[in-house]
Amino acid sequence: MFAAFGVNFLAYLLVLIFIVAVVLLACFIGIKWRKSKDAKMAMASEAEVTDN
């Protein structure tokens, strides 16, 4: 009885760890993309200011 519980518990724990890892990876990718976009916008606004 406890062996079956342990196997199921570990299986769900592995699924939970996988989901958390995917969510964290998505967050880091989103942060990287946002910083890149903000840097491009800052460079564009600097170029616009120097042109005028």
C-alpha atoms as a PDB file:
ATOM      1  CA  MET A   1       0.000   0.000   0.000  1.00  0.00           C
ATOM      2  CA  PHE A   2       2.713   2.476   0.927  1.00  0.00           C
ATOM      3  CA  ALA A   3       4.860   1.423  -2.026  1.00  0.00           C
ATOM      4  CA  ALA A   4       2.070   2.315  -4.466  1.00  0.00           C
ATOM      5  CA  PHE A   5       1.611   5.653  -2.716  1.00  0.00           C
ATOM      6  CA  GLY A   6       5.336   6.339  -2.932  1.00  0.00           C
ATOM      7  CA  VAL A   7       5.499   5.556  -6.647  1.00  0.00           C
ATOM      8  CA  ASN A   8       2.498   7.768  -7.405  1.00  0.00           C
ATOM      9  CA  PHE A   9       3.856  10.534  -5.197  1.00  0.00           C
ATOM     10  CA  LEU A  10       7.206  10.508  -7.002  1.00  0.00           C
ATOM     11  CA  ALA A  11       5.514  10.486 -10.399  1.00  0.00           C
ATOM     12  CA  TYR A  12       3.393  13.537  -9.552  1.00  0.00           C
ATOM     13  CA  LEU A  13       6.407  15.214  -7.962  1.00  0.00           C
ATOM     14  CA  LEU A  14       8.389  14.780 -11.176  1.00  0.00           C
ATOM     15  CA  VAL A  15       5.519  16.238 -13.204  1.00  0.00           C
ATOM     16  CA  LEU A  16       5.317  19.198 -10.820  1.00  0.00           C
ATOM     17  CA  ILE A  17       9.074  19.804 -11.062  1.00  0.00           C
ATOM     18  CA  PHE A  18       8.872  19.658 -14.869  1.00  0.00           C
ATOM     19  CA  ILE A  19       6.009  22.175 -14.962  1.00  0.00           C
ATOM     20  CA  VAL A  20       7.812  24.542 -12.592  1.00  0.00           C
ATOM     21  CA  ALA A  21      10.982  24.301 -14.707  1.00  0.00           C
ATOM     22  CA  VAL A  22       9.051  25.138 -17.895  1.00  0.00           C
ATOM     23  CA  VAL A  23       7.357  28.120 -16.227  1.00  0.00           C
ATOM     24  CA  LEU A  24      10.680  29.456 -14.919  1.00  0.00           C
ATOM     25  CA  LEU A  25      12.281  29.029 -18.336  1.00  0.00           C
ATOM     26  CA  ALA A  26       9.396  30.918 -19.954  1.00  0.00           C
ATOM     27  CA  CYS A  27       9.767  33.742 -17.414  1.00  0.00           C
ATOM     28  CA  PHE A  28      13.497  34.087 -18.065  1.00  0.00           C
ATOM     29  CA  ILE A  29      12.939  34.094 -21.837  1.00  0.00           C
ATOM     30  CA  GLY A  30      10.232  36.743 -21.447  1.00  0.00           C
ATOM     31  CA  ILE A  31      12.518  38.914 -19.316  1.00  0.00           C
ATOM     32  CA  LYS A  32      15.332  38.574 -21.863  1.00  0.00           C
ATOM     33  CA  TRP A  33      13.033  39.522 -24.756  1.00  0.00           C
ATOM     34  CA  ARG A  34      11.638  42.497 -22.847  1.00  0.00           C
ATOM     35  CA  LYS A  35      15.112  43.820 -21.986  1.00  0.00           C
ATOM     36  CA  SER A  36      16.136  43.431 -25.623  1.00  0.00           C
ATOM     37  CA  LYS A  37      13.034  45.293 -26.790  1.00  0.00           C
ATOM     38  CA  ASP A  38      13.590  48.071 -24.256  1.00  0.00           C
ATOM     39  CA  ALA A  39      17.232  48.426 -25.336  1.00  0.00           C
ATOM     40  CA  LYS A  40      16.188  48.719 -28.989  1.00  0.00           C
ATOM     41  CA  MET A  41      13.575  51.345 -28.114  1.00  0.00           C
ATOM     42  CA  ALA A  42      16.162  53.311 -26.098  1.00  0.00           C
ATOM     43  CA  MET A  43      18.631  53.226 -28.975  1.00  0.00           C
ATOM     44  CA  ALA A  44      15.926  54.350 -31.403  1.00  0.00           C
ATOM     45  CA  SER A  45      14.900  57.241 -29.168  1.00  0.00           C
ATOM     46  CA  GLU A  46      18.560  58.299 -28.743  1.00  0.00           C
ATOM     47  CA  ALA A  47      19.038  58.255 -32.513  1.00  0.00           C
ATOM     48  CA  GLU A  48      15.879  60.328 -32.911  1.00  0.00           C
ATOM     49  CA  VAL A  49      17.120  62.897 -30.399  1.00  0.00           C
ATOM     50  CA  THR A  50      20.540  63.211 -32.056  1.00  0.00           C
ATOM     51  CA  ASP A  51      18.953  63.586 -35.511  1.00  0.00           C
ATOM     52  CA  ASN A  52      16.964  66.646 -34.436  1.00  0.00           C
END
